[in-house]
Amino acid sequence: MTPLSVAEISGRLRSAFPDAEIEVVDDGHLHVGHAGAKSGGHFRVRLVAPAFAGLTTLARHRLVYHALGDWLPGRIHALAIEAHEPAGT
């Protein structure tokens, strides 16, 4: 299985949330030797998007999971999500 890059994840999220501020961090180096790291990467994402306005944390996370769906589980082993609506919305 080919490892994912930050650019691939950013691109997928940009397609799903075109007006979002997006930051993707590869935390794979923190998990070297972890058995799960062999099956997929460890990533952290931070998104600020109008699409999250009025939604619960769970609903926001579901939208992110849906955008990355076919990579979970598999190419993404662990994903930390920070999803916010823009200030003032």
PDB file of N, CA and C in Angstrom:
ATOM      1  N   MET A   1       0.842  -1.176   0.000  1.00  0.00           N
ATOM      2  CA  MET A   1       0.000   0.000   0.000  1.00  0.00           C
ATOM      3  C   MET A   1       0.892   1.245   0.000  1.00  0.00           C
ATOM      4  N   THR A   2       0.610   2.163  -0.883  1.00  0.00           N
ATOM      5  CA  THR A   2       1.394   3.378  -1.002  1.00  0.00           C
ATOM      6  C   THR A   2       1.031   4.345   0.117  1.00  0.00           C
ATOM      7  N   PRO A   3       2.023   4.868   0.830  1.00  0.00           N
ATOM      8  CA  PRO A   3       1.729   5.838   1.892  1.00  0.00           C
ATOM      9  C   PRO A   3       1.110   7.111   1.315  1.00  0.00           C
ATOM     10  N   LEU A   4       0.241   7.714   2.082  1.00  0.00           N
ATOM     11  CA  LEU A   4      -0.363   8.983   1.679  1.00  0.00           C
ATOM     12  C   LEU A   4       0.581  10.129   2.011  1.00  0.00           C
ATOM     13  N   SER A   5       0.457  11.187   1.244  1.00  0.00           N
ATOM     14  CA  SER A   5       1.223  12.399   1.525  1.00  0.00           C
ATOM     15  C   SER A   5       0.287  13.456   2.108  1.00  0.00           C
ATOM     16  N   VAL A   6       0.884  14.428   2.753  1.00  0.00           N
ATOM     17  CA  VAL A   6       0.127  15.563   3.270  1.00  0.00           C
ATOM     18  C   VAL A   6      -0.605  16.253   2.115  1.00  0.00           C
ATOM     19  N   ALA A   7       0.040  16.347   0.960  1.00  0.00           N
ATOM     20  CA  ALA A   7      -0.574  17.002  -0.203  1.00  0.00           C
ATOM     21  C   ALA A   7      -1.820  16.264  -0.681  1.00  0.00           C
ATOM     22  N   GLU A   8      -1.786  14.931  -0.671  1.00  0.00           N
ATOM     23  CA  GLU A   8      -2.962  14.158  -1.095  1.00  0.00           C
ATOM     24  C   GLU A   8      -4.140  14.386  -0.147  1.00  0.00           C
ATOM     25  N   ILE A   9      -3.865  14.357   1.139  1.00  0.00           N
ATOM     26  CA  ILE A   9      -4.937  14.575   2.110  1.00  0.00           C
ATOM     27  C   ILE A   9      -5.451  16.002   2.012  1.00  0.00           C
ATOM     28  N   SER A  10      -4.551  16.960   1.906  1.00  0.00           N
ATOM     29  CA  SER A  10      -4.953  18.365   1.761  1.00  0.00           C
ATOM     30  C   SER A  10      -5.822  18.556   0.523  1.00  0.00           C
ATOM     31  N   GLY A  11      -5.447  17.925  -0.574  1.00  0.00           N
ATOM     32  CA  GLY A  11      -6.217  18.033  -1.806  1.00  0.00           C
ATOM     33  C   GLY A  11      -7.618  17.470  -1.679  1.00  0.00           C
ATOM     34  N   ARG A  12      -7.715  16.330  -1.036  1.00  0.00           N
ATOM     35  CA  ARG A  12      -9.031  15.709  -0.829  1.00  0.00           C
ATOM     36  C   ARG A  12      -9.901  16.607   0.055  1.00  0.00           C
ATOM     37  N   LEU A  13      -9.326  17.139   1.118  1.00  0.00           N
ATOM     38  CA  LEU A  13     -10.086  18.020   2.004  1.00  0.00           C
ATOM     39  C   LEU A  13     -10.446  19.328   1.312  1.00  0.00           C
ATOM     40  N   ARG A  14      -9.550  19.839   0.470  1.00  0.00           N
ATOM     41  CA  ARG A  14      -9.826  21.072  -0.278  1.00  0.00           C
ATOM     42  C   ARG A  14     -11.002  20.865  -1.233  1.00  0.00           C
ATOM     43  N   SER A  15     -11.105  19.690  -1.820  1.00  0.00           N
ATOM     44  CA  SER A  15     -12.233  19.389  -2.707  1.00  0.00           C
ATOM     45  C   SER A  15     -13.543  19.363  -1.929  1.00  0.00           C
ATOM     46  N   ALA A  16     -13.510  18.810  -0.730  1.00  0.00           N
ATOM     47  CA  ALA A  16     -14.723  18.695   0.083  1.00  0.00           C
ATOM     48  C   ALA A  16     -15.089  20.006   0.770  1.00  0.00           C
ATOM     49  N   PHE A  17     -14.076  20.791   1.123  1.00  0.00           N
ATOM     50  CA  PHE A  17     -14.284  22.048   1.852  1.00  0.00           C
ATOM     51  C   PHE A  17     -13.497  23.164   1.156  1.00  0.00           C
ATOM     52  N   PRO A  18     -13.964  23.616  -0.024  1.00  0.00           N
ATOM     53  CA  PRO A  18     -13.177  24.544  -0.844  1.00  0.00           C
ATOM     54  C   PRO A  18     -12.886  25.896  -0.189  1.00  0.00           C
ATOM     55  N   ASP A  19     -13.718  26.307   0.742  1.00  0.00           N
ATOM     56  CA  ASP A  19     -13.516  27.611   1.366  1.00  0.00           C
ATOM     57  C   ASP A  19     -12.929  27.500   2.776  1.00  0.00           C
ATOM     58  N   ALA A  20     -12.325  26.382   3.090  1.00  0.00           N
ATOM     59  CA  ALA A  20     -11.785  26.140   4.430  1.00  0.00           C
ATOM     60  C   ALA A  20     -10.321  26.523   4.549  1.00  0.00           C
ATOM     61  N   GLU A  21      -9.928  26.845   5.765  1.00  0.00           N
ATOM     62  CA  GLU A  21      -8.517  26.913   6.126  1.00  0.00           C
ATOM     63  C   GLU A  21      -8.148  25.484   6.516  1.00  0.00           C
ATOM     64  N   ILE A  22      -7.106  24.936   5.917  1.00  0.00           N
ATOM     65  CA  ILE A  22      -6.760  23.526   6.133  1.00  0.00           C
ATOM     66  C   ILE A  22      -5.287  23.402   6.475  1.00  0.00           C
ATOM     67  N   GLU A  23      -5.028  22.629   7.515  1.00  0.00           N
ATOM     68  CA  GLU A  23      -3.653  22.292   7.890  1.00  0.00           C
ATOM     69  C   GLU A  23      -3.600  20.783   8.117  1.00  0.00           C
ATOM     70  N   VAL A  24      -2.664  20.124   7.481  1.00  0.00           N
ATOM     71  CA  VAL A  24      -2.477  18.683   7.636  1.00  0.00           C
ATOM     72  C   VAL A  24      -1.042  18.438   8.085  1.00  0.00           C
ATOM     73  N   VAL A  25      -0.892  17.632   9.128  1.00  0.00           N
ATOM     74  CA  VAL A  25       0.429  17.319   9.664  1.00  0.00           C
ATOM     75  C   VAL A  25       0.595  15.802   9.669  1.00  0.00           C
ATOM     76  N   ASP A  26       1.718  15.341   9.172  1.00  0.00           N
ATOM     77  CA  ASP A  26       2.057  13.915   9.191  1.00  0.00           C
ATOM     78  C   ASP A  26       2.775  13.627  10.505  1.00  0.00           C
ATOM     79  N   ASP A  27       2.131  12.862  11.369  1.00  0.00           N
ATOM     80  CA  ASP A  27       2.706  12.499  12.667  1.00  0.00           C
ATOM     81  C   ASP A  27       3.328  11.106  12.653  1.00  0.00           C
ATOM     82  N   GLY A  28       3.587  10.564  11.478  1.00  0.00           N
ATOM     83  CA  GLY A  28       4.130   9.222  11.352  1.00  0.00           C
ATOM     84  C   GLY A  28       5.422   9.006  12.103  1.00  0.00           C
ATOM     85  N   HIS A  29       6.266  10.030  12.139  1.00  0.00           N
ATOM     86  CA  HIS A  29       7.551   9.902  12.829  1.00  0.00           C
ATOM     87  C   HIS A  29       7.385   9.655  14.327  1.00  0.00           C
ATOM     88  N   LEU A  30       6.223  10.003  14.874  1.00  0.00           N
ATOM     89  CA  LEU A  30       5.966   9.788  16.300  1.00  0.00           C
ATOM     90  C   LEU A  30       5.534   8.355  16.594  1.00  0.00           C
ATOM     91  N   HIS A  31       5.274   7.585  15.546  1.00  0.00           N
ATOM     92  CA  HIS A  31       4.718   6.244  15.718  1.00  0.00           C
ATOM     93  C   HIS A  31       5.581   5.154  15.103  1.00  0.00           C
ATOM     94  N   VAL A  32       6.839   5.443  14.867  1.00  0.00           N
ATOM     95  CA  VAL A  32       7.752   4.450  14.314  1.00  0.00           C
ATOM     96  C   VAL A  32       7.808   3.257  15.272  1.00  0.00           C
ATOM     97  N   GLY A  33       7.644   2.068  14.723  1.00  0.00           N
ATOM     98  CA  GLY A  33       7.662   0.856  15.534  1.00  0.00           C
ATOM     99  C   GLY A  33       6.288   0.424  16.011  1.00  0.00           C
ATOM    100  N   HIS A  34       5.297   1.295  15.919  1.00  0.00           N
ATOM    101  CA  HIS A  34       3.932   0.949  16.295  1.00  0.00           C
ATOM    102  C   HIS A  34       3.350   0.028  15.228  1.00  0.00           C
ATOM    103  N   ALA A  35       2.787  -1.085  15.637  1.00  0.00           N
ATOM    104  CA  ALA A  35       2.297  -2.084  14.684  1.00  0.00           C
ATOM    105  C   ALA A  35       1.311  -1.493  13.679  1.00  0.00           C
ATOM    106  N   GLY A  36       0.434  -0.621  14.126  1.00  0.00           N
ATOM    107  CA  GLY A  36      -0.549  -0.022  13.227  1.00  0.00           C
ATOM    108  C   GLY A  36       0.047   0.893  12.194  1.00  0.00           C
ATOM    109  N   ALA A  37       1.238   1.407  12.460  1.00  0.00           N
ATOM    110  CA  ALA A  37       1.879   2.318  11.515  1.00  0.00           C
ATOM    111  C   ALA A  37       2.230   1.625  10.209  1.00  0.00           C
ATOM    112  N   LYS A  38       2.316   0.311  10.222  1.00  0.00           N
ATOM    113  CA  LYS A  38       2.634  -0.430   9.004  1.00  0.00           C
ATOM    114  C   LYS A  38       1.463  -0.457   8.030  1.00  0.00           C
ATOM    115  N   SER A  39       0.232  -0.323   8.558  1.00  0.00           N
ATOM    116  CA  SER A  39      -0.940  -0.425   7.699  1.00  0.00           C
ATOM    117  C   SER A  39      -1.412   0.916   7.162  1.00  0.00           C
ATOM    118  N   GLY A  40      -0.953   2.006   7.717  1.00  0.00           N
ATOM    119  CA  GLY A  40      -1.379   3.318   7.253  1.00  0.00           C
ATOM    120  C   GLY A  40      -0.737   4.406   8.080  1.00  0.00           C
ATOM    121  N   GLY A  41      -0.897   5.635   7.622  1.00  0.00           N
ATOM    122  CA  GLY A  41      -0.244   6.756   8.278  1.00  0.00           C
ATOM    123  C   GLY A  41      -1.004   7.324   9.453  1.00  0.00           C
ATOM    124  N   HIS A  42      -0.314   8.149  10.208  1.00  0.00           N
ATOM    125  CA  HIS A  42      -0.864   8.883  11.342  1.00  0.00           C
ATOM    126  C   HIS A  42      -0.857  10.363  10.965  1.00  0.00           C
ATOM    127  N   PHE A  43      -2.024  10.976  10.974  1.00  0.00           N
ATOM    128  CA  PHE A  43      -2.136  12.362  10.543  1.00  0.00           C
ATOM    129  C   PHE A  43      -2.977  13.163  11.529  1.00  0.00           C
ATOM    130  N   ARG A  44      -2.734  14.460  11.497  1.00  0.00           N
ATOM    131  CA  ARG A  44      -3.508  15.417  12.285  1.00  0.00           C
ATOM    132  C   ARG A  44      -4.011  16.469  11.307  1.00  0.00           C
ATOM    133  N   VAL A  45      -5.303  16.775  11.353  1.00  0.00           N
ATOM    134  CA  VAL A  45      -5.871  17.796  10.471  1.00  0.00           C
ATOM    135  C   VAL A  45      -6.563  18.863  11.305  1.00  0.00           C
ATOM    136  N   ARG A  46      -6.453  20.084  10.828  1.00  0.00           N
ATOM    137  CA  ARG A  46      -7.148  21.219  11.433  1.00  0.00           C
ATOM    138  C   ARG A  46      -7.862  21.938  10.303  1.00  0.00           C
ATOM    139  N   LEU A  47      -9.171  22.081  10.463  1.00  0.00           N
ATOM    140  CA  LEU A  47      -9.978  22.749   9.450  1.00  0.00           C
ATOM    141  C   LEU A  47     -10.837  23.814  10.106  1.00  0.00           C
ATOM    142  N   VAL A  48     -10.954  24.945   9.440  1.00  0.00           N
ATOM    143  CA  VAL A  48     -11.892  25.995   9.827  1.00  0.00           C
ATOM    144  C   VAL A  48     -12.735  26.239   8.586  1.00  0.00           C
ATOM    145  N   ALA A  49     -14.020  25.887   8.671  1.00  0.00           N
ATOM    146  CA  ALA A  49     -14.857  25.931   7.470  1.00  0.00           C
ATOM    147  C   ALA A  49     -16.269  26.397   7.797  1.00  0.00           C
ATOM    148  N   PRO A  50     -16.849  27.219   6.934  1.00  0.00           N
ATOM    149  CA  PRO A  50     -18.238  27.620   7.111  1.00  0.00           C
ATOM    150  C   PRO A  50     -19.191  26.422   7.141  1.00  0.00           C
ATOM    151  N   ALA A  51     -18.814  25.333   6.498  1.00  0.00           N
ATOM    152  CA  ALA A  51     -19.665  24.132   6.473  1.00  0.00           C
ATOM    153  C   ALA A  51     -19.903  23.568   7.874  1.00  0.00           C
ATOM    154  N   PHE A  52     -19.060  23.935   8.834  1.00  0.00           N
ATOM    155  CA  PHE A  52     -19.187  23.416  10.192  1.00  0.00           C
ATOM    156  C   PHE A  52     -20.074  24.277  11.081  1.00  0.00           C
ATOM    157  N   ALA A  53     -20.554  25.397  10.571  1.00  0.00           N
ATOM    158  CA  ALA A  53     -21.367  26.311  11.382  1.00  0.00           C
ATOM    159  C   ALA A  53     -22.604  25.608  11.932  1.00  0.00           C
ATOM    160  N   GLY A  54     -22.765  25.712  13.237  1.00  0.00           N
ATOM    161  CA  GLY A  54     -23.946  25.153  13.897  1.00  0.00           C
ATOM    162  C   GLY A  54     -23.921  23.651  14.112  1.00  0.00           C
ATOM    163  N   LEU A  55     -22.860  22.978  13.683  1.00  0.00           N
ATOM    164  CA  LEU A  55     -22.787  21.522  13.822  1.00  0.00           C
ATOM    165  C   LEU A  55     -22.084  21.124  15.115  1.00  0.00           C
ATOM    166  N   THR A  56     -22.450  19.966  15.632  1.00  0.00           N
ATOM    167  CA  THR A  56     -21.754  19.414  16.786  1.00  0.00           C
ATOM    168  C   THR A  56     -20.376  18.925  16.365  1.00  0.00           C
ATOM    169  N   THR A  57     -19.531  18.690  17.339  1.00  0.00           N
ATOM    170  CA  THR A  57     -18.203  18.143  17.046  1.00  0.00           C
ATOM    171  C   THR A  57     -18.324  16.824  16.296  1.00  0.00           C
ATOM    172  N   LEU A  58     -19.226  15.965  16.732  1.00  0.00           N
ATOM    173  CA  LEU A  58     -19.413  14.669  16.079  1.00  0.00           C
ATOM    174  C   LEU A  58     -19.818  14.843  14.615  1.00  0.00           C
ATOM    175  N   ALA A  59     -20.727  15.746  14.345  1.00  0.00           N
ATOM    176  CA  ALA A  59     -21.175  15.981  12.964  1.00  0.00           C
ATOM    177  C   ALA A  59     -20.033  16.526  12.106  1.00  0.00           C
ATOM    178  N   ARG A  60     -19.209  17.383  12.667  1.00  0.00           N
ATOM    179  CA  ARG A  60     -18.065  17.929  11.940  1.00  0.00           C
ATOM    180  C   ARG A  60     -17.081  16.812  11.592  1.00  0.00           C
ATOM    181  N   HIS A  61     -16.809  15.963  12.569  1.00  0.00           N
ATOM    182  CA  HIS A  61     -15.882  14.846  12.345  1.00  0.00           C
ATOM    183  C   HIS A  61     -16.436  13.888  11.294  1.00  0.00           C
ATOM    184  N   ARG A  62     -17.719  13.664  11.311  1.00  0.00           N
ATOM    185  CA  ARG A  62     -18.324  12.782  10.295  1.00  0.00           C
ATOM    186  C   ARG A  62     -18.126  13.337   8.894  1.00  0.00           C
ATOM    187  N   LEU A  63     -18.236  14.655   8.733  1.00  0.00           N
ATOM    188  CA  LEU A  63     -18.007  15.259   7.419  1.00  0.00           C
ATOM    189  C   LEU A  63     -16.562  15.044   6.962  1.00  0.00           C
ATOM    190  N   VAL A  64     -15.623  15.178   7.878  1.00  0.00           N
ATOM    191  CA  VAL A  64     -14.216  14.957   7.533  1.00  0.00           C
ATOM    192  C   VAL A  64     -13.982  13.488   7.180  1.00  0.00           C
ATOM    193  N   TYR A  65     -14.529  12.583   7.993  1.00  0.00           N
ATOM    194  CA  TYR A  65     -14.397  11.151   7.703  1.00  0.00           C
ATOM    195  C   TYR A  65     -15.007  10.812   6.348  1.00  0.00           C
ATOM    196  N   HIS A  66     -16.134  11.429   6.032  1.00  0.00           N
ATOM    197  CA  HIS A  66     -16.775  11.173   4.738  1.00  0.00           C
ATOM    198  C   HIS A  66     -15.861  11.619   3.586  1.00  0.00           C
ATOM    199  N   ALA A  67     -15.207  12.757   3.749  1.00  0.00           N
ATOM    200  CA  ALA A  67     -14.312  13.263   2.694  1.00  0.00           C
ATOM    201  C   ALA A  67     -13.117  12.339   2.469  1.00  0.00           C
ATOM    202  N   LEU A  68     -12.661  11.691   3.524  1.00  0.00           N
ATOM    203  CA  LEU A  68     -11.482  10.824   3.434  1.00  0.00           C
ATOM    204  C   LEU A  68     -11.855   9.349   3.462  1.00  0.00           C
ATOM    205  N   GLY A  69     -13.137   9.062   3.397  1.00  0.00           N
ATOM    206  CA  GLY A  69     -13.713   7.748   3.629  1.00  0.00           C
ATOM    207  C   GLY A  69     -12.995   6.533   3.089  1.00  0.00           C
ATOM    208  N   ASP A  70     -12.638   6.527   1.828  1.00  0.00           N
ATOM    209  CA  ASP A  70     -12.043   5.315   1.253  1.00  0.00           C
ATOM    210  C   ASP A  70     -10.605   5.101   1.710  1.00  0.00           C
ATOM    211  N   TRP A  71     -10.032   6.059   2.400  1.00  0.00           N
ATOM    212  CA  TRP A  71      -8.675   5.908   2.942  1.00  0.00           C
ATOM    213  C   TRP A  71      -8.697   5.467   4.409  1.00  0.00           C
ATOM    214  N   LEU A  72      -9.897   5.403   4.998  1.00  0.00           N
ATOM    215  CA  LEU A  72     -10.075   5.044   6.410  1.00  0.00           C
ATOM    216  C   LEU A  72     -10.861   3.749   6.526  1.00  0.00           C
ATOM    217  N   PRO A  73     -10.503   2.776   7.254  1.00  0.00           N
ATOM    218  CA  PRO A  73      -9.117   2.535   7.621  1.00  0.00           C
ATOM    219  C   PRO A  73      -8.369   2.018   6.407  1.00  0.00           C
ATOM    220  N   GLY A  74      -7.128   2.006   6.481  1.00  0.00           N
ATOM    221  CA  GLY A  74      -6.292   1.553   5.362  1.00  0.00           C
ATOM    222  C   GLY A  74      -5.101   2.448   5.234  1.00  0.00           C
ATOM    223  N   ARG A  75      -5.181   3.363   4.296  1.00  0.00           N
ATOM    224  CA  ARG A  75      -4.031   4.244   4.066  1.00  0.00           C
ATOM    225  C   ARG A  75      -3.856   5.253   5.201  1.00  0.00           C
ATOM    226  N   ILE A  76      -4.938   5.507   5.939  1.00  0.00           N
ATOM    227  CA  ILE A  76      -4.860   6.327   7.144  1.00  0.00           C
ATOM    228  C   ILE A  76      -5.183   5.412   8.312  1.00  0.00           C
ATOM    229  N   HIS A  77      -4.207   5.223   9.192  1.00  0.00           N
ATOM    230  CA  HIS A  77      -4.409   4.383  10.375  1.00  0.00           C
ATOM    231  C   HIS A  77      -5.010   5.189  11.520  1.00  0.00           C
ATOM    232  N   ALA A  78      -4.528   6.410  11.704  1.00  0.00           N
ATOM    233  CA  ALA A  78      -5.003   7.256  12.795  1.00  0.00           C
ATOM    234  C   ALA A  78      -5.149   8.684  12.289  1.00  0.00           C
ATOM    235  N   LEU A  79      -6.242   9.324  12.707  1.00  0.00           N
ATOM    236  CA  LEU A  79      -6.529  10.680  12.261  1.00  0.00           C
ATOM    237  C   LEU A  79      -7.045  11.492  13.442  1.00  0.00           C
ATOM    238  N   ALA A  80      -6.315  12.527  13.802  1.00  0.00           N
ATOM    239  CA  ALA A  80      -6.763  13.467  14.831  1.00  0.00           C
ATOM    240  C   ALA A  80      -7.392  14.649  14.101  1.00  0.00           C
ATOM    241  N   ILE A  81      -8.601  15.010  14.491  1.00  0.00           N
ATOM    242  CA  ILE A  81      -9.344  16.058  13.796  1.00  0.00           C
ATOM    243  C   ILE A  81      -9.638  17.211  14.745  1.00  0.00           C
ATOM    244  N   GLU A  82      -9.350  18.406  14.256  1.00  0.00           N
ATOM    245  CA  GLU A  82      -9.753  19.630  14.922  1.00  0.00           C
ATOM    246  C   GLU A  82     -10.564  20.400  13.876  1.00  0.00           C
ATOM    247  N   ALA A  83     -11.867  20.512  14.071  1.00  0.00           N
ATOM    248  CA  ALA A  83     -12.751  21.116  13.068  1.00  0.00           C
ATOM    249  C   ALA A  83     -13.577  22.221  13.726  1.00  0.00           C
ATOM    250  N   HIS A  84     -13.459  23.424  13.178  1.00  0.00           N
ATOM    251  CA  HIS A  84     -14.126  24.586  13.753  1.00  0.00           C
ATOM    252  C   HIS A  84     -14.856  25.365  12.677  1.00  0.00           C
ATOM    253  N   GLU A  85     -15.849  26.116  13.122  1.00  0.00           N
ATOM    254  CA  GLU A  85     -16.473  27.082  12.232  1.00  0.00           C
ATOM    255  C   GLU A  85     -15.705  28.391  12.361  1.00  0.00           C
ATOM    256  N   PRO A  86     -15.742  29.234  11.336  1.00  0.00           N
ATOM    257  CA  PRO A  86     -15.040  30.513  11.427  1.00  0.00           C
ATOM    258  C   PRO A  86     -15.623  31.365  12.566  1.00  0.00           C
ATOM    259  N   ALA A  87     -14.794  32.165  13.163  1.00  0.00           N
ATOM    260  CA  ALA A  87     -15.253  33.069  14.227  1.00  0.00           C
ATOM    261  C   ALA A  87     -16.309  34.020  13.679  1.00  0.00           C
ATOM    262  N   GLY A  88     -17.319  34.260  14.469  1.00  0.00           N
ATOM    263  CA  GLY A  88     -18.351  35.203  14.078  1.00  0.00           C
ATOM    264  C   GLY A  88     -19.458  34.622  13.226  1.00  0.00           C
ATOM    265  N   THR A  89     -19.478  33.292  13.055  1.00  0.00           N
ATOM    266  CA  THR A  89     -20.581  32.711  12.272  1.00  0.00           C
ATOM    267  C   THR A  89     -21.580  32.060  13.181  1.00  0.00           C
TER     268      THR A  89
END
